[in-house]
C-alpha atoms as a PDB file:
ATOM      1  CA  UNK A   1     -87.370-178.457 123.545  1.00  0.00           C
ATOM      2  CA  UNK A   2     -86.017-178.734 126.889  1.00  0.00           C
ATOM      3  CA  UNK A   3     -87.936-182.417 127.389  1.00  0.00           C
ATOM      4  CA  UNK A   4     -86.069-183.614 124.037  1.00  0.00           C
ATOM      5  CA  UNK A   5     -82.943-182.544 125.537  1.00  0.00           C
ATOM      6  CA  UNK A   6     -83.676-184.215 128.761  1.00  0.00           C
ATOM      7  CA  UNK A   7     -84.499-187.472 127.061  1.00  0.00           C
ATOM      8  CA  UNK A   8     -81.215-187.263 125.070  1.00  0.00           C
ATOM      9  CA  UNK A   9     -79.504-187.135 127.969  1.00  0.00           C
ATOM     10  CA  UNK A  10     -80.989-190.001 129.600  1.00  0.00           C
ATOM     11  CA  UNK A  11     -80.462-192.190 126.838  1.00  0.00           C
ATOM     12  CA  UNK A  12     -76.925-191.328 126.860  1.00  0.00           C
ATOM     13  CA  UNK A  13     -76.544-191.959 130.278  1.00  0.00           C
ATOM     14  CA  UNK A  14     -78.412-195.512 130.371  1.00  0.00           C
ATOM     15  CA  UNK A  15     -76.026-196.479 127.370  1.00  0.00           C
ATOM     16  CA  UNK A  16     -72.793-195.384 129.105  1.00  0.00           C
ATOM     17  CA  UNK A  17     -74.038-197.419 132.121  1.00  0.00           C
ATOM     18  CA  UNK A  18     -74.821-200.407 130.356  1.00  0.00           C
ATOM     19  CA  UNK A  19     -71.618-200.110 128.278  1.00  0.00           C
ATOM     20  CA  UNK A  20     -69.804-199.826 131.801  1.00  0.00           C
ATOM     21  CA  UNK A  21     -72.032-202.872 133.008  1.00  0.00           C
ATOM     22  CA  UNK A  22     -70.972-204.783 129.721  1.00  0.00           C
ATOM     23  CA  UNK A  23     -66.978-204.322 130.680  1.00  0.00           C
ATOM     24  CA  UNK A  24     -67.079-205.098 134.396  1.00  0.00           C
ATOM     25  CA  UNK A  25     -69.419-208.362 134.374  1.00  0.00           C
ATOM     26  CA  UNK A  26     -66.047-210.547 134.496  1.00  0.00           C
ATOM     27  CA  UNK A  27     -66.602-211.921 130.819  1.00  0.00           C
ATOM     28  CA  UNK A  28     -68.130-213.476 127.755  1.00  0.00           C
ATOM     29  CA  UNK A  29     -71.031-216.208 127.371  1.00  0.00           C
ATOM     30  CA  UNK A  30     -68.457-218.755 126.948  1.00  0.00           C
ATOM     31  CA  UNK A  31     -66.674-218.130 130.145  1.00  0.00           C
ATOM     32  CA  UNK A  32     -69.834-217.329 131.863  1.00  0.00           C
ATOM     33  CA  UNK A  33     -71.100-220.863 130.523  1.00  0.00           C
ATOM     34  CA  UNK A  34     -67.893-222.743 131.546  1.00  0.00           C
ATOM     35  CA  UNK A  35     -67.877-221.296 135.220  1.00  0.00           C
ATOM     36  CA  UNK A  36     -71.648-222.746 135.507  1.00  0.00           C
ATOM     37  CA  UNK A  37     -71.026-226.063 134.168  1.00  0.00           C
ATOM     38  CA  UNK A  38     -67.962-226.352 137.021  1.00  0.00           C
ATOM     39  CA  UNK A  39     -69.763-224.868 139.368  1.00  0.00           C
ATOM     40  CA  UNK A  40     -72.571-227.765 138.713  1.00  0.00           C
ATOM     41  CA  UNK A  41     -69.793-230.230 138.614  1.00  0.00           C
ATOM     42  CA  UNK A  42     -68.624-228.895 142.154  1.00  0.00           C
ATOM     43  CA  UNK A  43     -72.264-229.352 143.442  1.00  0.00           C
ATOM     44  CA  UNK A  44     -72.505-232.932 142.088  1.00  0.00           C
ATOM     45  CA  UNK A  45     -69.154-233.844 143.625  1.00  0.00           C
ATOM     46  CA  UNK A  46     -70.240-232.391 147.162  1.00  0.00           C
ATOM     47  CA  UNK A  47     -73.892-234.150 146.777  1.00  0.00           C
ATOM     48  CA  UNK A  48     -72.248-237.415 145.970  1.00  0.00           C
ATOM     49  CA  UNK A  49     -69.793-237.289 148.873  1.00  0.00           C
ATOM     50  CA  UNK A  50     -72.993-236.005 151.215  1.00  0.00           C
ATOM     51  CA  UNK A  51     -74.862-239.689 149.987  1.00  0.00           C
ATOM     52  CA  UNK A  52     -71.882-241.427 150.669  1.00  0.00           C
ATOM     53  CA  UNK A  53     -71.316-240.037 154.094  1.00  0.00           C
ATOM     54  CA  UNK A  54     -74.991-240.751 154.625  1.00  0.00           C
ATOM     55  CA  UNK A  55     -74.737-244.387 153.173  1.00  0.00           C
ATOM     56  CA  UNK A  56     -71.833-244.891 155.736  1.00  0.00           C
ATOM     57  CA  UNK A  57     -73.567-243.439 158.673  1.00  0.00           C
ATOM     58  CA  UNK A  58     -70.242-240.934 159.021  1.00  0.00           C
ATOM     59  CA  UNK A  59     -72.440-237.993 158.164  1.00  0.00           C
ATOM     60  CA  UNK A  60     -71.702-235.168 160.560  1.00  0.00           C
ATOM     61  CA  UNK A  61     -74.280-232.930 160.058  1.00  0.00           C
ATOM     62  CA  UNK A  62     -77.848-234.365 158.193  1.00  0.00           C
ATOM     63  CA  UNK A  63     -79.260-231.276 157.350  1.00  0.00           C
ATOM     64  CA  UNK A  64     -76.309-229.884 155.419  1.00  0.00           C
ATOM     65  CA  UNK A  65     -76.026-233.004 153.509  1.00  0.00           C
ATOM     66  CA  UNK A  66     -79.405-232.661 152.300  1.00  0.00           C
ATOM     67  CA  UNK A  67     -78.977-229.132 151.561  1.00  0.00           C
ATOM     68  CA  UNK A  68     -76.006-230.323 149.431  1.00  0.00           C
ATOM     69  CA  UNK A  69     -77.914-233.001 147.344  1.00  0.00           C
ATOM     70  CA  UNK A  70     -81.069-230.845 147.223  1.00  0.00           C
ATOM     71  CA  UNK A  71     -78.448-227.753 145.840  1.00  0.00           C
ATOM     72  CA  UNK A  72     -76.891-230.447 143.195  1.00  0.00           C
ATOM     73  CA  UNK A  73     -80.204-231.805 142.236  1.00  0.00           C
ATOM     74  CA  UNK A  74     -81.634-227.667 141.373  1.00  0.00           C
ATOM     75  CA  UNK A  75     -78.651-226.982 139.474  1.00  0.00           C
ATOM     76  CA  UNK A  76     -78.646-229.667 137.631  1.00  0.00           C
ATOM     77  CA  UNK A  77     -82.103-228.960 136.545  1.00  0.00           C
ATOM     78  CA  UNK A  78     -81.083-225.562 135.812  1.00  0.00           C
ATOM     79  CA  UNK A  79     -78.327-226.370 133.460  1.00  0.00           C
ATOM     80  CA  UNK A  80     -80.591-229.068 131.694  1.00  0.00           C
ATOM     81  CA  UNK A  81     -83.137-226.287 131.241  1.00  0.00           C
ATOM     82  CA  UNK A  82     -80.539-223.572 129.911  1.00  0.00           C
ATOM     83  CA  UNK A  83     -79.327-226.567 127.314  1.00  0.00           C
ATOM     84  CA  UNK A  84     -82.808-227.157 126.335  1.00  0.00           C
ATOM     85  CA  UNK A  85     -83.160-223.219 125.584  1.00  0.00           C
ATOM     86  CA  UNK A  86     -80.075-223.355 123.735  1.00  0.00           C
ATOM     87  CA  UNK A  87     -80.701-226.364 121.734  1.00  0.00           C
ATOM     88  CA  UNK A  88     -84.118-224.877 121.050  1.00  0.00           C
ATOM     89  CA  UNK A  89     -82.663-221.390 119.854  1.00  0.00           C
ATOM     90  CA  UNK A  90     -80.323-223.010 117.566  1.00  0.00           C
ATOM     91  CA  UNK A  91     -83.172-224.918 115.666  1.00  0.00           C
ATOM     92  CA  UNK A  92     -85.192-222.030 115.570  1.00  0.00           C
ATOM     93  CA  UNK A  93     -82.307-220.237 113.815  1.00  0.00           C
ATOM     94  CA  UNK A  94     -81.950-223.501 111.352  1.00  0.00           C
ATOM     95  CA  UNK A  95     -85.406-222.967 110.335  1.00  0.00           C
ATOM     96  CA  UNK A  96     -85.040-218.914 109.597  1.00  0.00           C
ATOM     97  CA  UNK A  97     -81.910-219.666 107.586  1.00  0.00           C
ATOM     98  CA  UNK A  98     -83.810-221.993 105.332  1.00  0.00           C
END
């Protein structure tokens, strides 16, 4: 009987911590997605600026420019993968509704 009470108490504790995480995470899916897209856009702008600096020879730190370019490339790939997964999930939902 004590083990059942302990499990119930553990479930209540975990569910309350999950609820507090959801309330404190800073927003819903749409706002997280919008912030992510804005971050990818900022990374792309920084990379374009870095590439322009490299092309004109006015780059101050070649290492930081290379990092900015790689960061933009990786963030764009990540965003494309998220898009592909969202489209795949949408298509799967359409299949199950028919």
